[in-house]
N, C-alpha and C. Protein backbone atom coordinates (compact mmCIF):
# COMPACT_ATOMS: atom_id res chain seq x y z
N MET A 1 1.00 -1.22 -0.05
CA MET A 1 0.02 0.10 0.08
C MET A 1 0.91 1.18 -0.30
N SER A 2 2.10 1.20 0.81
CA SER A 2 2.87 2.37 0.84
C SER A 2 3.36 2.58 -0.66
N ILE A 3 3.56 1.60 -1.19
CA ILE A 3 4.20 1.61 -2.63
C ILE A 3 3.03 2.34 -3.51
N LEU A 4 1.98 1.97 -3.87
CA LEU A 4 0.80 2.59 -4.18
C LEU A 4 0.34 3.98 -4.08
N ALA A 5 0.55 4.35 -2.35
CA ALA A 5 0.20 5.62 -2.20
C ALA A 5 1.02 6.39 -2.73
N GLY A 6 2.25 6.60 -3.42
CA GLY A 6 3.27 7.34 -3.81
C GLY A 6 3.31 7.21 -5.21
N VAL A 7 2.27 6.62 -5.79
CA VAL A 7 2.65 6.59 -7.41
C VAL A 7 1.13 6.63 -8.07
N GLU A 8 1.03 7.07 -9.03
CA GLU A 8 -0.43 6.58 -9.62
C GLU A 8 -0.86 5.39 -10.03
N GLU A 9 0.00 4.61 -10.61
CA GLU A 9 0.08 3.00 -10.63
C GLU A 9 1.11 2.46 -10.52
N ALA A 10 1.15 1.30 -10.49
CA ALA A 10 2.49 0.32 -10.53
C ALA A 10 2.10 -0.80 -10.95
N ASP A 11 2.95 -1.60 -11.92
CA ASP A 11 2.47 -3.00 -12.59
C ASP A 11 3.29 -3.92 -11.52
N PHE A 12 3.04 -5.07 -11.84
CA PHE A 12 3.22 -6.06 -10.96
C PHE A 12 4.38 -6.13 -10.91
N SER A 13 5.32 -6.33 -11.86
CA SER A 13 7.14 -6.56 -11.88
C SER A 13 7.40 -5.49 -10.91
N TYR A 14 7.18 -4.30 -11.03
CA TYR A 14 7.53 -3.24 -10.46
C TYR A 14 7.39 -3.34 -8.58
N LEU A 15 5.79 -3.93 -8.16
CA LEU A 15 5.63 -3.85 -6.89
C LEU A 15 6.29 -5.62 -6.70
N LYS A 16 6.54 -6.56 -7.35
CA LYS A 16 7.59 -7.46 -6.63
C LYS A 16 8.92 -7.13 -6.43
N LYS A 17 9.27 -6.29 -7.49
CA LYS A 17 10.85 -5.93 -7.23
C LYS A 17 10.93 -4.87 -5.94
N GLN A 18 10.10 -3.78 -5.76
CA GLN A 18 10.32 -3.15 -4.48
C GLN A 18 9.83 -3.70 -3.21
N THR A 19 9.33 -4.79 -3.65
CA THR A 19 8.86 -5.47 -2.09
C THR A 19 9.60 -6.53 -1.64
N GLY A 20 10.35 -7.39 -2.86
CA GLY A 20 10.89 -8.19 -2.64
C GLY A 20 10.01 -9.54 -2.32
N ALA A 21 8.63 -9.55 -2.69
CA ALA A 21 7.88 -10.74 -2.33
C ALA A 21 7.85 -11.98 -3.63
N THR A 22 7.26 -12.82 -3.18
CA THR A 22 7.10 -14.23 -4.36
C THR A 22 5.85 -13.41 -5.21
N SER A 23 6.05 -14.10 -6.39
CA SER A 23 4.77 -13.85 -7.20
C SER A 23 3.64 -14.00 -6.50
N GLY A 24 3.76 -15.63 -6.02
CA GLY A 24 2.44 -16.16 -5.46
C GLY A 24 1.83 -15.21 -4.29
N ASN A 25 2.96 -15.08 -3.11
CA ASN A 25 2.74 -14.07 -1.99
C ASN A 25 2.19 -12.95 -2.88
N LEU A 26 2.60 -11.99 -3.55
CA LEU A 26 2.08 -10.61 -4.16
C LEU A 26 0.84 -10.72 -4.58
N SER A 27 0.44 -12.14 -5.43
CA SER A 27 -1.02 -12.11 -5.97
C SER A 27 -1.66 -12.32 -4.84
N VAL A 28 -1.45 -12.69 -3.73
CA VAL A 28 -2.74 -13.09 -2.62
C VAL A 28 -2.78 -11.85 -2.15
N GLN A 29 -1.45 -10.82 -1.99
CA GLN A 29 -1.78 -9.90 -1.09
C GLN A 29 -2.82 -8.97 -2.24
N ILE A 30 -2.46 -8.77 -3.65
CA ILE A 30 -3.41 -8.18 -4.34
C ILE A 30 -4.62 -8.43 -4.44
N ASP A 31 -5.11 -9.51 -4.41
CA ASP A 31 -6.45 -10.14 -4.36
C ASP A 31 -7.14 -9.69 -3.49
N LYS A 32 -6.40 -9.70 -1.90
CA LYS A 32 -7.11 -9.15 -0.34
C LYS A 32 -7.51 -7.90 -0.70
N LEU A 33 -6.17 -7.12 -1.06
CA LEU A 33 -6.41 -5.71 -1.42
C LEU A 33 -7.39 -5.27 -2.20
N THR A 34 -8.06 -5.91 -3.29
CA THR A 34 -8.77 -5.69 -4.32
C THR A 34 -10.21 -5.97 -3.62
N THR A 35 -10.11 -7.19 -3.21
CA THR A 35 -11.48 -7.78 -2.18
C THR A 35 -11.98 -6.72 -1.31
N ALA A 36 -10.96 -5.98 -0.82
CA ALA A 36 -11.40 -4.89 0.41
C ALA A 36 -11.37 -3.51 -0.13
N GLY A 37 -11.53 -3.46 -1.54
CA GLY A 37 -11.73 -2.25 -2.01
C GLY A 37 -10.56 -1.43 -2.02
N TYR A 38 -9.62 -1.31 -1.68
CA TYR A 38 -8.26 -0.38 -1.44
C TYR A 38 -7.53 -0.35 -3.04
N ILE A 39 -7.40 -1.37 -3.51
CA ILE A 39 -6.85 -1.26 -5.07
C ILE A 39 -7.84 -1.44 -6.17
N THR A 40 -7.39 -1.35 -7.39
CA THR A 40 -8.29 -1.63 -8.58
C THR A 40 -7.33 -2.58 -9.02
N VAL A 41 -7.54 -3.42 -10.05
CA VAL A 41 -6.24 -4.35 -11.03
C VAL A 41 -6.80 -4.20 -12.28
N GLU A 42 -6.32 -4.00 -13.38
CA GLU A 42 -6.29 -3.83 -14.67
C GLU A 42 -5.48 -4.70 -15.55
N LYS A 43 -5.99 -5.79 -15.86
CA LYS A 43 -4.85 -6.83 -16.68
C LYS A 43 -5.06 -6.29 -18.45
N GLY A 44 -3.76 -6.17 -18.98
CA GLY A 44 -3.61 -5.93 -20.62
C GLY A 44 -2.31 -6.41 -20.84
N PHE A 45 -1.83 -6.12 -21.75
CA PHE A 45 -0.72 -6.02 -22.48
C PHE A 45 0.40 -5.06 -23.12
N LYS A 46 1.45 -5.15 -22.55
CA LYS A 46 2.45 -4.10 -23.03
C LYS A 46 3.17 -5.27 -24.11
N GLY A 47 2.77 -4.49 -25.68
CA GLY A 47 3.41 -5.34 -26.65
C GLY A 47 2.68 -6.88 -26.34
N LYS A 48 3.58 -7.70 -26.44
CA LYS A 48 3.22 -9.29 -26.55
C LYS A 48 2.97 -9.89 -25.02
N MET A 49 3.32 -8.94 -24.32
CA MET A 49 3.51 -9.51 -22.58
C MET A 49 2.55 -9.19 -21.99
N PRO A 50 1.69 -9.89 -21.17
CA PRO A 50 1.18 -9.69 -20.19
C PRO A 50 1.18 -8.81 -19.07
N ARG A 51 0.60 -7.64 -19.00
CA ARG A 51 0.67 -6.77 -17.63
C ARG A 51 -0.38 -6.52 -17.17
N THR A 52 -0.03 -6.62 -15.85
CA THR A 52 -1.05 -6.56 -14.55
C THR A 52 -0.60 -4.90 -13.74
N THR A 53 -1.44 -4.24 -13.78
CA THR A 53 -1.54 -2.71 -13.28
C THR A 53 -2.54 -2.33 -12.12
N CYS A 54 -1.58 -1.85 -10.90
CA CYS A 54 -2.42 -1.79 -9.67
C CYS A 54 -2.76 -0.34 -9.21
N LYS A 55 -3.93 0.34 -8.93
CA LYS A 55 -3.75 1.54 -8.33
C LYS A 55 -4.56 1.55 -7.16
N ILE A 56 -4.26 2.89 -6.43
CA ILE A 56 -4.89 2.41 -5.08
C ILE A 56 -6.43 3.51 -5.02
N THR A 57 -7.33 3.18 -4.95
CA THR A 57 -8.58 3.85 -4.70
C THR A 57 -8.79 5.14 -3.68
N SER A 58 -9.79 5.66 -3.12
CA SER A 58 -9.79 6.52 -2.41
C SER A 58 -10.10 5.87 -1.28
N ALA A 59 -10.83 4.74 -1.17
CA ALA A 59 -11.07 3.99 0.19
C ALA A 59 -9.71 3.42 0.97
N GLY A 60 -8.64 2.94 -0.27
CA GLY A 60 -7.42 2.54 -0.22
C GLY A 60 -6.44 3.59 0.68
N GLN A 61 -6.91 4.82 -0.19
CA GLN A 61 -6.35 6.07 0.65
C GLN A 61 -6.28 6.46 1.72
N GLU A 62 -7.72 6.29 2.29
CA GLU A 62 -8.38 6.92 3.78
C GLU A 62 -7.80 5.77 4.24
N ALA A 63 -7.81 4.19 4.03
CA ALA A 63 -7.57 3.12 5.12
C ALA A 63 -5.99 3.49 5.22
N PHE A 64 -5.08 3.60 4.36
CA PHE A 64 -3.64 3.74 4.62
C PHE A 64 -3.45 5.08 5.44
N LYS A 65 -4.19 6.07 5.34
CA LYS A 65 -3.86 7.29 5.96
C LYS A 65 -4.32 7.04 7.55
N VAL A 66 -5.39 6.25 8.00
CA VAL A 66 -5.68 5.65 9.23
C VAL A 66 -4.57 5.11 9.53
N TYR A 67 -4.29 3.98 8.71
CA TYR A 67 -3.16 3.17 9.49
C TYR A 67 -1.88 3.85 9.99
N VAL A 68 -1.61 4.76 8.94
CA VAL A 68 -0.31 5.72 9.28
C VAL A 68 -0.45 6.54 10.64
N ASP A 69 -1.73 6.86 10.58
CA ASP A 69 -2.19 8.07 11.76
C ASP A 69 -1.95 7.18 13.16
N ALA A 70 -2.78 5.84 12.95
CA ALA A 70 -2.32 5.22 14.38
C ALA A 70 -1.18 4.53 14.53
N LEU A 71 -0.36 4.42 13.68
CA LEU A 71 0.97 3.93 13.69
C LEU A 71 1.75 5.16 14.42
N LYS A 72 1.55 6.09 13.82
CA LYS A 72 2.12 7.62 14.81
C LYS A 72 1.66 7.31 16.12
N GLU A 73 0.37 7.68 16.33
CA GLU A 73 -0.10 7.51 17.85
C GLU A 73 0.63 6.42 19.01
N TYR A 74 0.72 5.69 18.28
CA TYR A 74 1.51 4.34 18.91
C TYR A 74 2.58 4.47 18.95
N LEU A 75 3.67 4.78 18.01
CA LEU A 75 5.05 5.31 18.10
C LEU A 75 5.18 6.41 19.43
N SER A 76 4.51 7.50 18.97
CA SER A 76 4.68 8.84 20.16
C SER A 76 4.34 8.79 21.57
N ALA A 77 3.24 7.04 21.63
CA ALA A 77 2.70 7.16 23.02
C ALA A 77 4.40 6.16 23.83
N GLY A 78 4.96 5.45 23.11
CA GLY A 78 6.08 5.07 23.70
C GLY A 78 6.00 3.48 24.21
N ASP A 79 4.64 3.02 24.24
CA ASP A 79 4.67 2.25 24.78
C ASP A 79 4.60 0.53 24.46
N PHE A 80 5.66 0.49 24.01
CA PHE A 80 5.93 -0.71 23.16
C PHE A 80 7.17 -1.33 23.89
């Protein structure tokens, strides 16, 4: 989510490289985020190669903001 929050869109290869995740793990996470309505997925082709592109939705942006705010609050409390 943090990667998608900072870009307009990202393809599967880019996300895989940036996260270091396996293809299978990344696919599962993308499916979960899509089901939650946090990202949209568009499948197409770049030349003859298949291409999967992900974009964060406004619901995803809001959920990520809430998560970051909660994390900041937790860290500032120092109760860890």
